[in-house]
Amino acid sequence: MTKKKLELHPDRLFPADEKVRGIARELFAAANQHPIISPHGHVPPEWLAEDIPFNDPVSMLLTPDHYTNRILHGTARVDLADLGVPVGTPMTEEQSRNAWRLFCKNWWAFRGTAVQFWFTSEFVDVFGVDIRPSEETADEIYDIINEQLKTDAFKPRALYKRFNISLLATTDDPASDLRYHKQLNEDPTWDGKVIPTFRPDAYIEPARPGFKALTEKLGEAADQDVSTYEGHVEAMRKIRRFFKKNGAVSSDHSHRDAGTARLSDREAADLYQQALAGKISVEDGDRLRRHMLNDQARLACEDGLVMTLHPAVFRNHDEAAFARLGADVGGDVPMATEFTAALQPMLTEYGNHENFQTVLFTMDQDVFQRELGPLAGYYPSVFVGAPWWFLDEPDAMRRYREQVTPYGTFYKTSGFIDDTRAFASIPARHDVARRMDAVYLARLVAEHRLALDEAQEIAEALVTTIPSTAFKLN
């Protein structure tokens, strides 16, 4: 059998036109000398705090990557459970190998996708594997990677340094004691930077099952009576301050819409009591949630945590898969959304507050030019989040720059967000973003819309000062 090679061309993603390609190379080199800033992601902090070795190629590369799993399921009809989903499912070596064989056998399904690009980068750059995955090469690739995972060079801390990461943010439940973040901060052998992110979504969805239990859990974490709405707000205030004390710079919010309309104090108090009693309607639950999200913005004016919003995703679309496997297995689907009217109550109240800052993310690229760019162009507090989650692929990144830059400017964007649970894919994802920004800037230079020195400054700012400003990292 003649093995086919994986190719990682140095000019990948760059323009076919030779002149513009040369400019893109130069701009990419300027950006790529800087370390990775990753202010939003889902890598568990215990991986780095305990420097836990990765068990095998599947648990490291495949199972945590819901992008990969959804394509295998939807295009090749692979059962998600056969891929080790959900994360943390115990697998024998044979089960792990079988999952890897399914992945390699169906490598064809990833052609032309960002997933193929990321995995090719991981194979070649991280593991030195230049063999194209297939049914015949699956075991050989598995063995090569598996042997490397047994060495210290492939433990999480070593990879953190090798990937040239300067900051990595995790996503954390409000009731977390942040023990692993404290452990890292107190470890004299650790010189990286891992910070928590306050993620209160579940605690401000009054109509969801279990809201009362979650509220009591919040109260226990804050040592606060939460029998009233005022008590709930105070518990949030205390925990947000606790997160900030332990290094957090942002809060993260995802709901079905971006609504922020306020209720009267009396109505909010009454609906809160209905929610605790499990008697609130879905419609009233949404109204109270919008009020609660507005209060999160009010608290952000006090503590300075950057408020990141990413509404409009239909979570767990496959109800049968959710019942069998749980959440975060790749079954989420984007929805159309609206920001301008939804955020008007919040921005009228806090949009010009000197301590308030919000980063708006979307999976609905129709709103980049119509809504998000103009909002960021006007409000000092508003930044447009990077194209992510279904939009973190080359063509969508190009469209993002074309649509946001004219009225939002480069300087009111967030820098790239990898948003991944698959640790080894972080450098590959940032590589794509840096290349596509270089491509966009090169075109502006070639069309005499931007001077080369200005484009170089922007290329570097997009990976340094721009994300640092958006997330208050300074």
Protein backbone atom coordinates (compact mmCIF):
# COMPACT_ATOMS: atom_id res chain seq x y z
CA MET A 1 0.00 0.00 0.00
CA THR A 2 1.31 3.46 -0.94
CA LYS A 3 0.61 5.84 1.91
CA LYS A 4 -0.69 9.25 0.94
CA LYS A 5 0.94 12.24 2.57
CA LEU A 6 -0.69 14.98 4.57
CA GLU A 7 0.33 18.33 3.13
CA LEU A 8 0.70 21.50 5.19
CA HIS A 9 1.70 24.08 2.61
CA PRO A 10 3.42 27.22 3.96
CA ASP A 11 1.16 29.39 1.80
CA ARG A 12 -2.07 27.70 2.86
CA LEU A 13 -5.08 30.03 2.71
CA PHE A 14 -3.03 32.79 1.08
CA PRO A 15 -4.23 34.38 -2.20
CA ALA A 16 -3.48 32.79 -5.55
CA ASP A 17 -2.29 36.15 -6.90
CA GLU A 18 1.48 36.20 -6.42
CA LYS A 19 1.76 39.88 -5.50
CA VAL A 20 -1.01 39.79 -2.90
CA ARG A 21 0.30 36.46 -1.59
CA GLY A 22 3.68 38.05 -0.93
CA ILE A 23 2.08 40.85 1.10
CA ALA A 24 0.02 38.32 3.06
CA ARG A 25 3.16 36.34 3.92
CA GLU A 26 4.81 39.46 5.31
CA LEU A 27 1.79 40.47 7.39
CA PHE A 28 1.28 36.94 8.73
CA ALA A 29 4.92 36.81 9.81
CA ALA A 30 4.45 40.07 11.72
CA ALA A 31 1.44 38.69 13.59
CA ASN A 32 2.84 35.23 14.13
CA GLN A 33 5.81 36.40 16.17
CA HIS A 34 3.41 37.09 19.04
CA PRO A 35 2.05 34.53 21.54
CA ILE A 36 -1.54 33.32 21.60
CA ILE A 37 -4.08 35.15 23.73
CA SER A 38 -7.08 32.88 24.33
CA PRO A 39 -9.64 34.81 26.41
CA HIS A 40 -12.54 32.40 25.91
CA GLY A 41 -12.38 28.61 25.83
CA HIS A 42 -13.34 25.41 27.59
CA VAL A 43 -10.11 23.66 28.52
CA PRO A 44 -10.58 22.29 32.08
CA PRO A 45 -8.24 24.11 34.51
CA GLU A 46 -7.42 20.83 36.30
CA TRP A 47 -5.57 19.63 33.20
CA LEU A 48 -2.94 22.30 33.81
CA ALA A 49 -3.17 22.47 37.60
CA GLU A 50 -2.52 18.73 37.94
CA ASP A 51 -0.59 18.42 34.64
CA ILE A 52 -2.76 15.41 33.87
CA PRO A 53 -1.39 13.29 31.00
CA PHE A 54 -3.71 12.63 28.08
CA ASN A 55 -4.82 9.00 28.07
CA ASP A 56 -4.94 8.33 24.35
CA PRO A 57 -5.48 10.03 20.98
CA VAL A 58 -9.27 9.74 21.19
CA SER A 59 -9.75 11.39 24.58
CA MET A 60 -7.32 14.15 23.62
CA LEU A 61 -8.20 14.91 20.01
CA LEU A 62 -11.51 13.38 19.07
CA THR A 63 -14.07 13.16 21.88
CA PRO A 64 -13.76 16.79 23.10
CA ASP A 65 -14.10 18.18 19.56
CA HIS A 66 -17.82 18.43 18.87
CA TYR A 67 -17.10 19.95 15.43
CA THR A 68 -15.55 16.62 14.43
CA ASN A 69 -18.18 14.49 16.09
CA ARG A 70 -21.11 16.24 14.44
CA ILE A 71 -19.62 15.77 10.94
CA LEU A 72 -18.93 12.09 11.57
CA HIS A 73 -22.46 11.65 12.86
CA GLY A 74 -24.24 13.71 10.21
CA THR A 75 -22.19 12.82 7.12
CA ALA A 76 -20.89 9.33 7.85
CA ARG A 77 -23.74 8.18 10.15
CA VAL A 78 -21.38 7.35 13.00
CA ASP A 79 -23.04 6.86 16.40
CA LEU A 80 -21.72 9.55 18.77
CA ALA A 81 -21.39 6.98 21.55
CA ASP A 82 -18.90 5.07 19.41
CA LEU A 83 -16.64 8.14 19.49
CA GLY A 84 -16.46 8.19 23.29
CA VAL A 85 -19.12 10.87 23.61
CA PRO A 86 -19.82 12.37 26.08
CA VAL A 87 -16.45 13.56 27.36
CA GLY A 88 -15.33 11.50 30.33
CA THR A 89 -16.93 8.25 29.21
CA PRO A 90 -14.59 5.38 30.24
CA MET A 91 -13.22 3.51 27.23
CA THR A 92 -11.15 0.36 26.92
CA GLU A 93 -8.16 0.47 24.62
CA GLU A 94 -10.06 -1.48 21.98
CA GLN A 95 -13.01 0.93 22.18
CA SER A 96 -10.63 3.84 21.83
CA ARG A 97 -8.93 2.25 18.82
CA ASN A 98 -12.29 1.52 17.23
CA ALA A 99 -13.31 5.16 17.66
CA TRP A 100 -10.08 6.26 16.03
CA ARG A 101 -10.61 3.80 13.17
CA LEU A 102 -14.05 5.29 12.53
CA PHE A 103 -12.51 8.75 12.43
CA CYS A 104 -9.74 7.76 10.02
CA LYS A 105 -12.00 5.59 7.85
CA ASN A 106 -14.28 8.59 7.33
CA TRP A 107 -11.54 11.22 6.85
CA TRP A 108 -13.14 11.90 3.45
CA ALA A 109 -16.10 13.53 5.22
CA PHE A 110 -13.95 16.48 6.33
CA ARG A 111 -12.80 17.52 2.86
CA GLY A 112 -12.99 21.27 2.40
CA THR A 113 -13.92 21.93 6.04
CA ALA A 114 -12.11 23.82 8.76
CA VAL A 115 -11.96 20.55 10.72
CA GLN A 116 -9.73 18.99 8.06
CA PHE A 117 -7.48 22.06 8.17
CA TRP A 118 -7.21 21.99 11.96
CA PHE A 119 -6.53 18.27 12.16
CA THR A 120 -3.90 18.45 9.42
CA SER A 121 -2.14 21.19 11.39
CA GLU A 122 -2.37 19.16 14.59
CA PHE A 123 -1.06 15.98 12.97
CA VAL A 124 1.87 17.65 11.22
CA ASP A 125 2.85 20.47 13.59
CA VAL A 126 2.08 18.90 16.96
CA PHE A 127 2.77 15.20 16.41
CA GLY A 128 4.95 15.13 13.29
CA VAL A 129 2.48 12.82 11.52
CA ASP A 130 2.44 13.32 7.76
CA ILE A 131 0.39 10.22 6.93
CA ARG A 132 -3.10 10.88 5.59
CA PRO A 133 -5.77 9.20 7.76
CA SER A 134 -7.56 6.24 6.24
CA GLU A 135 -8.92 2.88 7.28
CA GLU A 136 -5.53 1.33 6.46
CA THR A 137 -3.40 3.91 8.33
CA ALA A 138 -5.60 4.34 11.42
CA ASP A 139 -3.70 2.02 13.76
CA GLU A 140 -0.30 3.33 12.67
CA ILE A 141 -1.30 6.95 13.34
CA TYR A 142 -2.90 5.96 16.65
CA ASP A 143 0.30 4.23 17.78
CA ILE A 144 2.55 7.14 16.81
CA ILE A 145 0.45 9.65 18.73
CA ASN A 146 -0.19 7.32 21.66
CA GLU A 147 3.52 6.78 22.23
CA GLN A 148 4.15 10.52 22.28
CA LEU A 149 1.35 11.08 24.78
CA LYS A 150 3.26 8.91 27.26
CA THR A 151 6.14 11.40 27.34
CA ASP A 152 6.50 14.55 29.45
CA ALA A 153 6.75 16.66 26.29
CA PHE A 154 3.07 16.03 25.58
CA LYS A 155 1.65 16.75 29.02
CA PRO A 156 -0.60 19.83 29.25
CA ARG A 157 1.94 22.23 30.78
CA ALA A 158 4.61 21.36 28.23
CA LEU A 159 2.13 21.84 25.39
CA TYR A 160 0.96 25.16 26.85
CA LYS A 161 4.53 26.43 26.57
CA ARG A 162 5.14 24.84 23.19
CA PHE A 163 1.96 26.39 21.78
CA ASN A 164 3.26 29.79 22.92
CA ILE A 165 0.12 30.66 24.87
CA SER A 166 0.38 33.78 27.02
CA LEU A 167 -3.14 33.61 28.47
CA LEU A 168 -5.85 30.96 28.57
CA ALA A 169 -9.33 31.55 29.99
CA THR A 170 -11.54 28.71 31.16
CA THR A 171 -15.34 28.70 31.58
CA ASP A 172 -16.55 28.15 35.14
CA ASP A 173 -19.78 27.56 37.02
CA PRO A 174 -20.69 30.36 39.47
CA ALA A 175 -20.75 27.85 42.33
CA SER A 176 -17.17 26.71 41.61
CA ASP A 177 -14.64 27.23 44.37
CA LEU A 178 -12.00 27.83 41.65
CA ARG A 179 -9.64 25.46 43.47
CA TYR A 180 -7.60 24.66 40.38
CA HIS A 181 -7.10 28.31 39.53
CA LYS A 182 -5.93 28.93 43.08
CA GLN A 183 -3.65 25.91 42.82
CA LEU A 184 -2.05 27.28 39.67
CA ASN A 185 -1.66 30.76 41.13
CA GLU A 186 0.09 29.34 44.19
CA ASP A 187 2.33 26.94 42.27
CA PRO A 188 5.92 28.30 42.09
CA THR A 189 6.71 25.93 39.21
CA TRP A 190 3.95 27.38 37.01
CA ASP A 191 4.67 30.54 35.02
CA GLY A 192 1.69 30.53 32.65
CA LYS A 193 -1.56 32.42 33.04
CA VAL A 194 -4.92 30.64 33.30
CA ILE A 195 -7.93 32.67 34.40
CA PRO A 196 -11.56 31.76 35.16
CA THR A 197 -14.66 33.10 33.39
CA PHE A 198 -17.94 33.66 35.22
CA ARG A 199 -20.70 31.72 33.36
CA PRO A 200 -24.10 32.21 35.08
CA ASP A 201 -26.45 31.12 32.25
CA ALA A 202 -28.24 28.33 34.08
CA TYR A 203 -28.78 30.49 37.15
CA ILE A 204 -30.71 33.17 35.26
CA GLU A 205 -33.13 30.94 33.34
CA PRO A 206 -36.14 31.06 35.70
CA ALA A 207 -38.36 28.71 33.68
CA ARG A 208 -35.84 25.88 33.40
CA PRO A 209 -36.38 22.73 35.47
CA GLY A 210 -34.31 22.77 38.64
CA PHE A 211 -34.12 26.56 38.91
CA LYS A 212 -34.88 26.43 42.65
CA ALA A 213 -32.11 23.91 43.29
CA LEU A 214 -29.63 25.95 41.28
CA THR A 215 -30.65 29.11 43.13
CA GLU A 216 -30.07 27.40 46.48
CA LYS A 217 -26.68 26.21 45.22
CA LEU A 218 -25.86 29.81 44.30
CA GLY A 219 -26.91 31.01 47.73
CA GLU A 220 -24.71 28.42 49.43
CA ALA A 221 -21.71 29.41 47.32
CA ALA A 222 -22.23 33.09 48.17
CA ASP A 223 -23.31 32.51 51.77
CA GLN A 224 -26.36 34.59 50.94
CA ASP A 225 -30.11 34.29 51.54
CA VAL A 226 -31.64 33.96 48.05
CA SER A 227 -35.30 33.70 49.05
CA THR A 228 -35.91 37.13 47.49
CA TYR A 229 -34.88 38.61 44.17
CA GLU A 230 -32.75 41.19 45.97
CA GLY A 231 -30.95 38.32 47.66
CA HIS A 232 -30.33 36.64 44.31
CA VAL A 233 -28.76 39.82 42.93
CA GLU A 234 -26.59 40.14 46.03
CA ALA A 235 -25.42 36.54 45.67
CA MET A 236 -24.42 37.29 42.08
CA ARG A 237 -22.60 40.42 43.20
CA LYS A 238 -20.58 38.49 45.78
CA ILE A 239 -19.64 35.64 43.45
CA ARG A 240 -18.68 37.97 40.62
CA ARG A 241 -16.31 39.74 43.00
CA PHE A 242 -14.91 36.37 44.09
CA PHE A 243 -14.23 35.45 40.47
CA LYS A 244 -12.57 38.79 39.80
CA LYS A 245 -10.39 38.39 42.88
CA ASN A 246 -9.23 35.08 41.41
CA GLY A 247 -8.30 36.55 38.06
CA ALA A 248 -11.51 36.63 36.00
CA VAL A 249 -11.83 39.43 33.46
CA SER A 250 -15.19 38.52 31.92
CA SER A 251 -18.61 36.97 32.34
CA ASP A 252 -20.15 34.82 29.61
CA HIS A 253 -23.84 34.69 28.71
CA SER A 254 -25.76 32.57 26.23
CA HIS A 255 -29.55 32.61 25.92
CA ARG A 256 -32.15 32.14 23.21
CA ASP A 257 -32.27 35.90 22.56
CA ALA A 258 -30.31 39.00 23.55
CA GLY A 259 -33.20 40.74 25.30
CA THR A 260 -32.39 43.11 28.18
CA ALA A 261 -35.73 44.82 28.88
CA ARG A 262 -36.29 45.65 32.55
CA LEU A 263 -39.36 44.93 34.64
CA SER A 264 -40.63 46.94 37.57
CA ASP A 265 -39.07 45.94 40.87
CA ARG A 266 -42.43 44.59 42.04
CA GLU A 267 -42.99 42.45 38.94
CA ALA A 268 -39.44 41.07 39.05
CA ALA A 269 -39.92 40.11 42.71
CA ASP A 270 -43.26 38.44 42.02
CA LEU A 271 -41.99 36.46 39.01
CA TYR A 272 -38.94 35.37 40.98
CA GLN A 273 -41.21 33.85 43.64
CA GLN A 274 -43.17 32.04 40.92
CA ALA A 275 -39.90 30.68 39.54
CA LEU A 276 -38.81 29.38 42.94
CA ALA A 277 -42.19 27.68 43.27
CA GLY A 278 -41.80 26.11 39.83
CA LYS A 279 -44.93 27.86 38.60
CA ILE A 280 -43.56 30.44 36.17
CA SER A 281 -44.58 30.23 32.51
CA VAL A 282 -42.00 30.05 29.74
CA GLU A 283 -43.01 33.50 28.53
CA ASP A 284 -42.70 35.06 31.99
CA GLY A 285 -39.48 33.16 32.53
CA ASP A 286 -38.04 34.82 29.43
CA ARG A 287 -39.19 38.24 30.64
CA LEU A 288 -37.56 37.73 34.03
CA ARG A 289 -34.39 36.36 32.40
CA ARG A 290 -34.06 39.53 30.29
CA HIS A 291 -34.42 41.61 33.44
CA MET A 292 -31.79 39.45 35.18
CA LEU A 293 -29.40 39.84 32.24
CA ASN A 294 -29.85 43.60 32.50
CA ASP A 295 -28.89 43.31 36.16
CA GLN A 296 -25.75 41.44 35.16
CA ALA A 297 -24.81 44.49 33.09
CA ARG A 298 -25.51 46.71 36.08
CA LEU A 299 -23.22 44.57 38.21
CA ALA A 300 -20.58 44.75 35.47
CA CYS A 301 -20.55 48.53 35.89
CA GLU A 302 -19.61 47.91 39.53
CA ASP A 303 -16.96 45.20 39.17
CA GLY A 304 -15.69 45.84 35.64
CA LEU A 305 -16.05 42.30 34.31
CA VAL A 306 -16.39 42.38 30.52
CA MET A 307 -19.82 41.06 29.51
CA THR A 308 -19.65 38.65 26.58
CA LEU A 309 -22.95 37.70 24.93
CA HIS A 310 -23.59 34.91 22.43
CA PRO A 311 -27.35 34.42 22.04
CA ALA A 312 -29.42 32.51 19.52
CA VAL A 313 -28.36 28.91 19.51
CA PHE A 314 -30.89 26.08 19.57
CA ARG A 315 -29.20 23.84 22.08
CA ASN A 316 -29.58 20.07 22.13
CA HIS A 317 -31.65 20.09 18.94
CA ASP A 318 -31.67 16.28 18.85
CA GLU A 319 -33.77 15.53 21.92
CA ALA A 320 -33.11 11.79 21.74
CA ALA A 321 -29.34 12.33 21.70
CA PHE A 322 -29.63 14.79 24.58
CA ALA A 323 -31.60 12.26 26.64
CA ARG A 324 -29.06 9.54 25.90
CA LEU A 325 -25.76 11.44 25.93
CA GLY A 326 -26.36 14.83 27.55
CA ALA A 327 -25.37 18.32 26.43
CA ASP A 328 -22.32 19.55 24.50
CA VAL A 329 -22.09 16.63 22.10
CA GLY A 330 -22.42 18.64 18.88
CA GLY A 331 -26.21 18.85 18.65
CA ASP A 332 -26.49 22.65 18.84
CA VAL A 333 -27.73 24.60 15.80
CA PRO A 334 -27.52 28.37 15.09
CA MET A 335 -30.62 30.54 14.90
CA ALA A 336 -31.38 33.96 13.47
CA THR A 337 -31.08 36.71 16.06
CA GLU A 338 -31.59 40.42 16.63
CA PHE A 339 -29.42 42.74 18.70
CA THR A 340 -30.34 46.37 18.03
CA ALA A 341 -33.73 46.49 19.76
CA ALA A 342 -32.88 43.69 22.20
CA LEU A 343 -29.86 45.51 23.64
CA GLN A 344 -31.30 49.02 23.53
CA PRO A 345 -32.53 48.98 27.18
CA MET A 346 -29.11 47.82 28.42
CA LEU A 347 -27.07 50.16 26.22
CA THR A 348 -29.28 53.16 26.97
CA GLU A 349 -28.59 52.59 30.67
CA TYR A 350 -24.97 51.44 30.64
CA GLY A 351 -23.57 51.80 27.09
CA ASN A 352 -21.65 54.97 27.91
CA HIS A 353 -20.66 53.96 31.45
CA GLU A 354 -16.89 54.22 31.86
CA ASN A 355 -16.65 50.83 33.60
CA PHE A 356 -18.95 48.86 31.28
CA GLN A 357 -17.74 46.81 28.33
CA THR A 358 -19.50 44.13 26.29
CA VAL A 359 -18.35 41.82 23.50
CA LEU A 360 -21.15 40.67 21.19
CA PHE A 361 -20.76 37.30 19.49
CA THR A 362 -23.13 35.73 17.01
CA MET A 363 -23.58 32.66 14.84
CA ASP A 364 -25.85 34.69 12.55
CA GLN A 365 -23.50 36.45 10.15
CA ASP A 366 -26.37 38.46 8.68
CA VAL A 367 -26.13 40.87 11.65
CA PHE A 368 -22.42 41.71 11.41
CA GLN A 369 -22.83 44.62 9.00
CA ARG A 370 -26.43 45.52 9.75
CA GLU A 371 -26.26 45.61 13.56
CA LEU A 372 -23.03 44.70 15.33
CA GLY A 373 -20.62 46.85 13.35
CA PRO A 374 -22.76 49.99 13.74
CA LEU A 375 -23.39 49.31 17.45
CA ALA A 376 -19.66 48.97 18.09
CA GLY A 377 -18.95 52.01 15.96
CA TYR A 378 -21.16 54.17 18.16
CA TYR A 379 -20.99 52.83 21.71
CA PRO A 380 -17.56 53.07 23.41
CA SER A 381 -18.46 49.99 25.45
CA VAL A 382 -19.39 47.67 22.56
CA PHE A 383 -16.97 45.33 20.78
CA VAL A 384 -17.79 42.80 18.05
CA GLY A 385 -16.75 39.27 18.92
CA ALA A 386 -14.71 37.22 16.47
CA PRO A 387 -16.41 34.84 14.05
CA TRP A 388 -16.69 31.66 16.08
CA TRP A 389 -18.73 28.48 16.44
CA PHE A 390 -19.87 27.67 12.90
CA LEU A 391 -18.22 30.87 11.64
CA ASP A 392 -14.62 30.08 12.60
CA GLU A 393 -13.71 28.93 9.10
CA PRO A 394 -11.77 30.85 6.44
CA ASP A 395 -14.55 32.17 4.22
CA ALA A 396 -16.70 33.30 7.16
CA MET A 397 -13.66 35.06 8.66
CA ARG A 398 -13.17 36.96 5.41
CA ARG A 399 -16.82 37.99 5.36
CA TYR A 400 -16.59 39.09 8.99
CA ARG A 401 -13.76 41.52 8.25
CA GLU A 402 -15.53 42.84 5.16
CA GLN A 403 -18.78 43.42 7.03
CA VAL A 404 -17.58 44.68 10.43
CA THR A 405 -14.57 46.83 9.54
CA PRO A 406 -16.29 49.63 7.54
CA TYR A 407 -18.40 50.83 10.49
CA GLY A 408 -17.06 48.91 13.47
CA THR A 409 -13.34 49.35 12.67
CA PHE A 410 -10.57 46.87 13.42
CA TYR A 411 -10.21 48.36 16.89
CA LYS A 412 -13.68 47.51 18.14
CA THR A 413 -13.30 43.79 17.52
CA SER A 414 -12.24 41.15 20.02
CA GLY A 415 -9.27 39.32 18.56
CA PHE A 416 -9.69 35.66 17.74
CA ILE A 417 -11.59 33.32 20.07
CA ASP A 418 -10.85 29.60 19.74
CA ASP A 419 -13.74 28.49 22.00
CA THR A 420 -12.46 24.92 22.11
CA ARG A 421 -12.36 21.94 24.43
CA ALA A 422 -9.77 20.29 22.17
CA PHE A 423 -6.54 21.63 23.66
CA ALA A 424 -4.24 20.56 20.82
CA SER A 425 -6.35 22.44 18.27
CA ILE A 426 -5.75 25.87 19.84
CA PRO A 427 -2.66 26.79 17.76
CA ALA A 428 -4.25 25.47 14.56
CA ARG A 429 -7.36 27.58 15.07
CA HIS A 430 -5.36 30.74 15.80
CA ASP A 431 -3.18 30.01 12.78
CA VAL A 432 -6.24 30.09 10.51
CA ALA A 433 -7.42 33.39 12.00
CA ARG A 434 -4.02 35.03 11.65
CA ARG A 435 -3.70 33.90 8.05
CA MET A 436 -7.14 35.15 7.10
CA ASP A 437 -6.54 38.54 8.74
CA ALA A 438 -3.29 38.75 6.78
CA VAL A 439 -5.20 37.91 3.58
CA TYR A 440 -7.76 40.65 4.21
CA LEU A 441 -5.12 43.25 5.06
CA ALA A 442 -3.00 42.25 2.05
CA ARG A 443 -5.94 42.93 -0.24
CA LEU A 444 -6.36 46.42 1.22
CA VAL A 445 -2.67 47.10 0.66
CA ALA A 446 -2.74 45.73 -2.90
CA GLU A 447 -5.76 47.91 -3.69
CA HIS A 448 -3.97 50.97 -2.22
CA ARG A 449 -6.59 51.33 0.49
CA LEU A 450 -4.05 50.91 3.27
CA ALA A 451 -0.32 51.54 3.53
CA LEU A 452 1.88 48.52 4.20
CA ASP A 453 3.19 49.90 7.51
CA GLU A 454 -0.39 50.54 8.66
CA ALA A 455 -1.39 46.99 7.70
CA GLN A 456 1.56 45.59 9.64
CA GLU A 457 0.57 47.58 12.72
CA ILE A 458 -2.98 46.25 12.47
CA ALA A 459 -1.83 42.65 11.91
CA GLU A 460 0.14 42.80 15.15
CA ALA A 461 -2.55 44.71 17.05
CA LEU A 462 -5.14 42.07 16.17
CA VAL A 463 -3.21 39.52 18.24
CA THR A 464 -1.93 41.86 21.00
CA THR A 465 -3.51 45.18 21.97
CA ILE A 466 -6.93 44.63 20.38
CA PRO A 467 -7.85 41.47 22.39
CA SER A 468 -6.16 42.97 25.45
CA THR A 469 -8.37 46.06 25.18
CA ALA A 470 -11.58 44.14 24.46
CA PHE A 471 -11.08 41.90 27.50
CA LYS A 472 -9.37 44.44 29.79
CA LEU A 473 -6.30 42.27 30.05
CA ASN A 474 -4.08 45.22 30.89
